[in-house]
């Protein structure tokens, strides 16, 4: 019990949520960035995105998972 009390007094819960936020923003930036690249590819109608489009679409399918992880 003393160890748990020491962790709370030293900001253990606060540090957990700060670290969780940093990790969440990092992993959220990948599908959001891919969604932006898909949008640019569709707007410009360029052929450079044809090979990468499948990868970008697969990366955006993780957005529902990221929405679920946003709850904490």
PDB file of N, CA and C in Angstrom:
ATOM      1  N   UNK A   1       0.822  -1.190   0.000  1.00  0.00           N
ATOM      2  CA  UNK A   1       0.000   0.000   0.000  1.00  0.00           C
ATOM      3  C   UNK A   1       0.865   1.251   0.000  1.00  0.00           C
ATOM      4  N   UNK A   2       2.003   1.184   0.630  1.00  0.00           N
ATOM      5  CA  UNK A   2       2.883   2.334   0.686  1.00  0.00           C
ATOM      6  C   UNK A   2       3.467   2.675  -0.683  1.00  0.00           C
ATOM      7  N   UNK A   3       3.722   1.651  -1.498  1.00  0.00           N
ATOM      8  CA  UNK A   3       4.259   1.875  -2.831  1.00  0.00           C
ATOM      9  C   UNK A   3       3.232   2.578  -3.724  1.00  0.00           C
ATOM     10  N   UNK A   4       1.970   2.168  -3.626  1.00  0.00           N
ATOM     11  CA  UNK A   4       0.910   2.801  -4.411  1.00  0.00           C
ATOM     12  C   UNK A   4       0.732   4.259  -3.990  1.00  0.00           C
ATOM     13  N   UNK A   5       0.776   4.509  -2.695  1.00  0.00           N
ATOM     14  CA  UNK A   5       0.632   5.876  -2.197  1.00  0.00           C
ATOM     15  C   UNK A   5       1.802   6.744  -2.663  1.00  0.00           C
ATOM     16  N   UNK A   6       3.007   6.177  -2.709  1.00  0.00           N
ATOM     17  CA  UNK A   6       4.172   6.930  -3.177  1.00  0.00           C
ATOM     18  C   UNK A   6       4.053   7.246  -4.662  1.00  0.00           C
ATOM     19  N   UNK A   7       3.517   6.318  -5.435  1.00  0.00           N
ATOM     20  CA  UNK A   7       3.352   6.556  -6.874  1.00  0.00           C
ATOM     21  C   UNK A   7       2.328   7.657  -7.128  1.00  0.00           C
ATOM     22  N   UNK A   8       1.268   7.679  -6.339  1.00  0.00           N
ATOM     23  CA  UNK A   8       0.252   8.715  -6.505  1.00  0.00           C
ATOM     24  C   UNK A   8       0.803  10.068  -6.088  1.00  0.00           C
ATOM     25  N   UNK A   9       1.569  10.104  -5.020  1.00  0.00           N
ATOM     26  CA  UNK A   9       2.125  11.375  -4.551  1.00  0.00           C
ATOM     27  C   UNK A   9       3.154  11.937  -5.518  1.00  0.00           C
ATOM     28  N   UNK A  10       3.861  11.082  -6.247  1.00  0.00           N
ATOM     29  CA  UNK A  10       4.877  11.550  -7.179  1.00  0.00           C
ATOM     30  C   UNK A  10       4.307  11.800  -8.568  1.00  0.00           C
ATOM     31  N   UNK A  11       3.002  11.783  -8.713  1.00  0.00           N
ATOM     32  CA  UNK A  11       2.379  12.075  -9.997  1.00  0.00           C
ATOM     33  C   UNK A  11       2.332  10.887 -10.930  1.00  0.00           C
ATOM     34  N   UNK A  12       2.209   9.689 -10.404  1.00  0.00           N
ATOM     35  CA  UNK A  12       2.195   8.488 -11.234  1.00  0.00           C
ATOM     36  C   UNK A  12       1.018   8.447 -12.193  1.00  0.00           C
ATOM     37  N   UNK A  13      -0.181   8.788 -11.695  1.00  0.00           N
ATOM     38  CA  UNK A  13      -1.354   8.778 -12.564  1.00  0.00           C
ATOM     39  C   UNK A  13      -1.271   9.883 -13.601  1.00  0.00           C
ATOM     40  N   UNK A  14      -0.796  11.029 -13.195  1.00  0.00           N
ATOM     41  CA  UNK A  14      -0.651  12.141 -14.141  1.00  0.00           C
ATOM     42  C   UNK A  14       0.356  11.789 -15.216  1.00  0.00           C
ATOM     43  N   UNK A  15       1.460  11.184 -14.836  1.00  0.00           N
ATOM     44  CA  UNK A  15       2.474  10.784 -15.807  1.00  0.00           C
ATOM     45  C   UNK A  15       1.934   9.732 -16.772  1.00  0.00           C
ATOM     46  N   UNK A  16       1.117   8.816 -16.254  1.00  0.00           N
ATOM     47  CA  UNK A  16       0.517   7.806 -17.128  1.00  0.00           C
ATOM     48  C   UNK A  16      -0.337   8.459 -18.202  1.00  0.00           C
ATOM     49  N   UNK A  17      -1.185   9.396 -17.822  1.00  0.00           N
ATOM     50  CA  UNK A  17      -2.075  10.012 -18.795  1.00  0.00           C
ATOM     51  C   UNK A  17      -1.326  10.934 -19.760  1.00  0.00           C
ATOM     52  N   UNK A  18      -0.277  11.572 -19.313  1.00  0.00           N
ATOM     53  CA  UNK A  18       0.544  12.381 -20.212  1.00  0.00           C
ATOM     54  C   UNK A  18       1.237  11.472 -21.233  1.00  0.00           C
ATOM     55  N   UNK A  19       1.772  10.361 -20.772  1.00  0.00           N
ATOM     56  CA  UNK A  19       2.420   9.416 -21.680  1.00  0.00           C
ATOM     57  C   UNK A  19       1.415   8.795 -22.639  1.00  0.00           C
ATOM     58  N   UNK A  20       0.222   8.497 -22.146  1.00  0.00           N
ATOM     59  CA  UNK A  20      -0.838   7.941 -22.989  1.00  0.00           C
ATOM     60  C   UNK A  20      -1.215   8.933 -24.083  1.00  0.00           C
ATOM     61  N   UNK A  21      -1.304  10.205 -23.740  1.00  0.00           N
ATOM     62  CA  UNK A  21      -1.658  11.231 -24.710  1.00  0.00           C
ATOM     63  C   UNK A  21      -0.592  11.361 -25.792  1.00  0.00           C
ATOM     64  N   UNK A  22       0.666  11.316 -25.417  1.00  0.00           N
ATOM     65  CA  UNK A  22       1.751  11.412 -26.394  1.00  0.00           C
ATOM     66  C   UNK A  22       1.695  10.220 -27.352  1.00  0.00           C
ATOM     67  N   UNK A  23       1.535   9.027 -26.831  1.00  0.00           N
ATOM     68  CA  UNK A  23       1.440   7.843 -27.680  1.00  0.00           C
ATOM     69  C   UNK A  23       0.214   7.870 -28.572  1.00  0.00           C
ATOM     70  N   UNK A  24      -0.902   8.321 -28.022  1.00  0.00           N
ATOM     71  CA  UNK A  24      -2.136   8.387 -28.798  1.00  0.00           C
ATOM     72  C   UNK A  24      -2.011   9.367 -29.957  1.00  0.00           C
ATOM     73  N   UNK A  25      -1.448  10.524 -29.704  1.00  0.00           N
ATOM     74  CA  UNK A  25      -1.291  11.523 -30.773  1.00  0.00           C
ATOM     75  C   UNK A  25      -0.325  11.017 -31.835  1.00  0.00           C
ATOM     76  N   UNK A  26       0.726  10.321 -31.431  1.00  0.00           N
ATOM     77  CA  UNK A  26       1.658   9.769 -32.412  1.00  0.00           C
ATOM     78  C   UNK A  26       0.961   8.774 -33.320  1.00  0.00           C
ATOM     79  N   UNK A  27       0.251   7.809 -32.746  1.00  0.00           N
ATOM     80  CA  UNK A  27      -0.389   6.780 -33.563  1.00  0.00           C
ATOM     81  C   UNK A  27      -1.589   7.318 -34.327  1.00  0.00           C
ATOM     82  N   UNK A  28      -2.225   8.382 -33.830  1.00  0.00           N
ATOM     83  CA  UNK A  28      -3.335   8.988 -34.561  1.00  0.00           C
ATOM     84  C   UNK A  28      -2.842   9.767 -35.772  1.00  0.00           C
ATOM     85  N   UNK A  29      -1.624  10.275 -35.711  1.00  0.00           N
ATOM     86  CA  UNK A  29      -1.106  11.067 -36.825  1.00  0.00           C
ATOM     87  C   UNK A  29      -0.900  10.226 -38.082  1.00  0.00           C
ATOM     88  N   UNK A  30      -0.665   8.935 -37.944  1.00  0.00           N
ATOM     89  CA  UNK A  30      -0.447   8.092 -39.115  1.00  0.00           C
ATOM     90  C   UNK A  30      -1.707   7.942 -39.967  1.00  0.00           C
ATOM     91  N   UNK A  31      -2.857   7.499 -39.425  1.00  0.00           N
ATOM     92  CA  UNK A  31      -4.040   7.394 -40.288  1.00  0.00           C
ATOM     93  C   UNK A  31      -4.570   8.750 -40.752  1.00  0.00           C
ATOM     94  N   UNK A  32      -4.445   9.777 -39.932  1.00  0.00           N
ATOM     95  CA  UNK A  32      -4.919  11.100 -40.350  1.00  0.00           C
ATOM     96  C   UNK A  32      -4.040  11.644 -41.480  1.00  0.00           C
ATOM     97  N   UNK A  33      -2.754  11.428 -41.401  1.00  0.00           N
ATOM     98  CA  UNK A  33      -1.860  11.844 -42.471  1.00  0.00           C
ATOM     99  C   UNK A  33      -2.127  11.088 -43.763  1.00  0.00           C
ATOM    100  N   UNK A  34      -2.386   9.789 -43.651  1.00  0.00           N
ATOM    101  CA  UNK A  34      -2.715   9.007 -44.843  1.00  0.00           C
ATOM    102  C   UNK A  34      -4.037   9.458 -45.447  1.00  0.00           C
ATOM    103  N   UNK A  35      -4.984   9.831 -44.594  1.00  0.00           N
ATOM    104  CA  UNK A  35      -6.252  10.335 -45.112  1.00  0.00           C
ATOM    105  C   UNK A  35      -6.036  11.646 -45.859  1.00  0.00           C
ATOM    106  N   UNK A  36      -5.159  12.480 -45.369  1.00  0.00           N
ATOM    107  CA  UNK A  36      -4.840  13.723 -46.063  1.00  0.00           C
ATOM    108  C   UNK A  36      -4.169  13.474 -47.399  1.00  0.00           C
ATOM    109  N   UNK A  37      -3.265  12.502 -47.447  1.00  0.00           N
ATOM    110  CA  UNK A  37      -2.609  12.173 -48.711  1.00  0.00           C
ATOM    111  C   UNK A  37      -3.582  11.582 -49.722  1.00  0.00           C
ATOM    112  N   UNK A  38      -4.552  10.790 -49.254  1.00  0.00           N
ATOM    113  CA  UNK A  38      -5.588  10.277 -50.153  1.00  0.00           C
ATOM    114  C   UNK A  38      -6.402  11.435 -50.711  1.00  0.00           C
ATOM    115  N   UNK A  39      -6.732  12.390 -49.850  1.00  0.00           N
ATOM    116  CA  UNK A  39      -7.488  13.553 -50.309  1.00  0.00           C
ATOM    117  C   UNK A  39      -6.732  14.357 -51.348  1.00  0.00           C
ATOM    118  N   UNK A  40      -5.454  14.561 -51.130  1.00  0.00           N
ATOM    119  CA  UNK A  40      -4.636  15.303 -52.101  1.00  0.00           C
ATOM    120  C   UNK A  40      -4.567  14.538 -53.420  1.00  0.00           C
ATOM    121  N   UNK A  41      -4.434  13.221 -53.332  1.00  0.00           N
ATOM    122  CA  UNK A  41      -4.343  12.421 -54.548  1.00  0.00           C
ATOM    123  C   UNK A  41      -5.644  12.480 -55.333  1.00  0.00           C
ATOM    124  N   UNK A  42      -6.784  12.440 -54.667  1.00  0.00           N
ATOM    125  CA  UNK A  42      -8.060  12.496 -55.367  1.00  0.00           C
ATOM    126  C   UNK A  42      -8.324  13.883 -55.942  1.00  0.00           C
ATOM    127  N   UNK A  43      -7.964  14.923 -55.208  1.00  0.00           N
ATOM    128  CA  UNK A  43      -8.211  16.280 -55.688  1.00  0.00           C
ATOM    129  C   UNK A  43      -7.355  16.600 -56.910  1.00  0.00           C
ATOM    130  N   UNK A  44      -6.100  16.204 -56.874  1.00  0.00           N
ATOM    131  CA  UNK A  44      -5.217  16.516 -57.995  1.00  0.00           C
ATOM    132  C   UNK A  44      -5.382  15.542 -59.154  1.00  0.00           C
ATOM    133  N   UNK A  45      -5.918  14.366 -58.900  1.00  0.00           N
ATOM    134  CA  UNK A  45      -6.073  13.369 -59.951  1.00  0.00           C
ATOM    135  C   UNK A  45      -4.753  12.842 -60.463  1.00  0.00           C
ATOM    136  N   UNK A  46      -3.746  12.917 -59.631  1.00  0.00           N
ATOM    137  CA  UNK A  46      -2.401  12.522 -60.047  1.00  0.00           C
ATOM    138  C   UNK A  46      -2.265  10.999 -60.075  1.00  0.00           C
ATOM    139  N   UNK A  47      -1.328  10.538 -60.851  1.00  0.00           N
ATOM    140  CA  UNK A  47      -1.102   9.095 -60.960  1.00  0.00           C
ATOM    141  C   UNK A  47      -0.078   8.593 -59.939  1.00  0.00           C
ATOM    142  N   UNK A  48       0.560   9.509 -59.212  1.00  0.00           N
ATOM    143  CA  UNK A  48       1.579   9.072 -58.255  1.00  0.00           C
ATOM    144  C   UNK A  48       0.979   8.298 -57.091  1.00  0.00           C
ATOM    145  N   UNK A  49      -0.306   8.507 -56.823  1.00  0.00           N
ATOM    146  CA  UNK A  49      -0.912   7.848 -55.668  1.00  0.00           C
ATOM    147  C   UNK A  49      -1.515   6.499 -55.951  1.00  0.00           C
ATOM    148  N   UNK A  50      -1.478   6.053 -57.201  1.00  0.00           N
ATOM    149  CA  UNK A  50      -2.115   4.785 -57.550  1.00  0.00           C
ATOM    150  C   UNK A  50      -1.459   3.628 -56.796  1.00  0.00           C
ATOM    151  N   UNK A  51      -0.165   3.610 -56.740  1.00  0.00           N
ATOM    152  CA  UNK A  51       0.533   2.517 -56.052  1.00  0.00           C
ATOM    153  C   UNK A  51       0.396   2.601 -54.540  1.00  0.00           C
ATOM    154  N   UNK A  52       0.311   3.812 -54.018  1.00  0.00           N
ATOM    155  CA  UNK A  52       0.255   3.994 -52.563  1.00  0.00           C
ATOM    156  C   UNK A  52      -1.163   4.040 -52.012  1.00  0.00           C
ATOM    157  N   UNK A  53      -2.158   4.140 -52.876  1.00  0.00           N
ATOM    158  CA  UNK A  53      -3.533   4.321 -52.408  1.00  0.00           C
ATOM    159  C   UNK A  53      -3.992   3.176 -51.507  1.00  0.00           C
ATOM    160  N   UNK A  54      -3.651   1.943 -51.858  1.00  0.00           N
ATOM    161  CA  UNK A  54      -4.069   0.787 -51.042  1.00  0.00           C
ATOM    162  C   UNK A  54      -3.467   0.861 -49.635  1.00  0.00           C
ATOM    163  N   UNK A  55      -2.228   1.247 -49.565  1.00  0.00           N
ATOM    164  CA  UNK A  55      -1.582   1.396 -48.258  1.00  0.00           C
ATOM    165  C   UNK A  55      -2.257   2.492 -47.443  1.00  0.00           C
ATOM    166  N   UNK A  56      -2.532   3.627 -48.076  1.00  0.00           N
ATOM    167  CA  UNK A  56      -3.170   4.732 -47.377  1.00  0.00           C
ATOM    168  C   UNK A  56      -4.576   4.353 -46.913  1.00  0.00           C
ATOM    169  N   UNK A  57      -5.323   3.655 -47.759  1.00  0.00           N
ATOM    170  CA  UNK A  57      -6.671   3.231 -47.373  1.00  0.00           C
ATOM    171  C   UNK A  57      -6.630   2.238 -46.227  1.00  0.00           C
ATOM    172  N   UNK A  58      -5.669   1.338 -46.228  1.00  0.00           N
ATOM    173  CA  UNK A  58      -5.533   0.376 -45.136  1.00  0.00           C
ATOM    174  C   UNK A  58      -5.182   1.084 -43.829  1.00  0.00           C
ATOM    175  N   UNK A  59      -4.361   2.121 -43.920  1.00  0.00           N
ATOM    176  CA  UNK A  59      -3.973   2.854 -42.713  1.00  0.00           C
ATOM    177  C   UNK A  59      -5.157   3.623 -42.133  1.00  0.00           C
ATOM    178  N   UNK A  60      -6.054   4.108 -42.988  1.00  0.00           N
ATOM    179  CA  UNK A  60      -7.198   4.857 -42.471  1.00  0.00           C
ATOM    180  C   UNK A  60      -8.230   3.947 -41.819  1.00  0.00           C
ATOM    181  N   UNK A  61      -8.149   2.659 -42.029  1.00  0.00           N
ATOM    182  CA  UNK A  61      -9.101   1.734 -41.402  1.00  0.00           C
ATOM    183  C   UNK A  61      -8.828   1.557 -39.905  1.00  0.00           C
ATOM    184  N   UNK A  62      -7.768   2.140 -39.413  1.00  0.00           N
ATOM    185  CA  UNK A  62      -7.504   2.074 -37.977  1.00  0.00           C
ATOM    186  C   UNK A  62      -8.164   3.229 -37.221  1.00  0.00           C
ATOM    187  N   UNK A  63      -8.855   4.120 -37.924  1.00  0.00           N
ATOM    188  CA  UNK A  63      -9.506   5.250 -37.258  1.00  0.00           C
ATOM    189  C   UNK A  63     -10.573   4.828 -36.250  1.00  0.00           C
ATOM    190  N   UNK A  64     -11.427   3.795 -36.519  1.00  0.00           N
ATOM    191  CA  UNK A  64     -12.372   3.368 -35.471  1.00  0.00           C
ATOM    192  C   UNK A  64     -11.669   2.885 -34.202  1.00  0.00           C
ATOM    193  N   UNK A  65     -10.546   2.211 -34.354  1.00  0.00           N
ATOM    194  CA  UNK A  65      -9.776   1.780 -33.178  1.00  0.00           C
ATOM    195  C   UNK A  65      -9.259   2.984 -32.416  1.00  0.00           C
ATOM    196  N   UNK A  66      -8.773   3.985 -33.142  1.00  0.00           N
ATOM    197  CA  UNK A  66      -8.263   5.186 -32.482  1.00  0.00           C
ATOM    198  C   UNK A  66      -9.391   5.942 -31.775  1.00  0.00           C
ATOM    199  N   UNK A  67     -10.589   5.904 -32.340  1.00  0.00           N
ATOM    200  CA  UNK A  67     -11.740   6.526 -31.678  1.00  0.00           C
ATOM    201  C   UNK A  67     -12.059   5.808 -30.368  1.00  0.00           C
ATOM    202  N   UNK A  68     -11.939   4.496 -30.364  1.00  0.00           N
ATOM    203  CA  UNK A  68     -12.164   3.740 -29.127  1.00  0.00           C
ATOM    204  C   UNK A  68     -11.076   4.012 -28.096  1.00  0.00           C
ATOM    205  N   UNK A  69      -9.847   4.213 -28.553  1.00  0.00           N
ATOM    206  CA  UNK A  69      -8.746   4.494 -27.628  1.00  0.00           C
ATOM    207  C   UNK A  69      -8.761   5.928 -27.121  1.00  0.00           C
ATOM    208  N   UNK A  70      -9.587   6.776 -27.704  1.00  0.00           N
ATOM    209  CA  UNK A  70      -9.681   8.163 -27.243  1.00  0.00           C
ATOM    210  C   UNK A  70     -10.505   8.298 -25.972  1.00  0.00           C
ATOM    211  N   UNK A  71     -11.184   7.246 -25.555  1.00  0.00           N
ATOM    212  CA  UNK A  71     -12.062   7.312 -24.383  1.00  0.00           C
ATOM    213  C   UNK A  71     -11.316   7.671 -23.100  1.00  0.00           C
ATOM    214  N   UNK A  72     -10.168   7.036 -22.792  1.00  0.00           N
ATOM    215  CA  UNK A  72      -9.506   7.417 -21.531  1.00  0.00           C
ATOM    216  C   UNK A  72      -9.040   8.837 -21.548  1.00  0.00           C
TER     217      UNK A  72
END
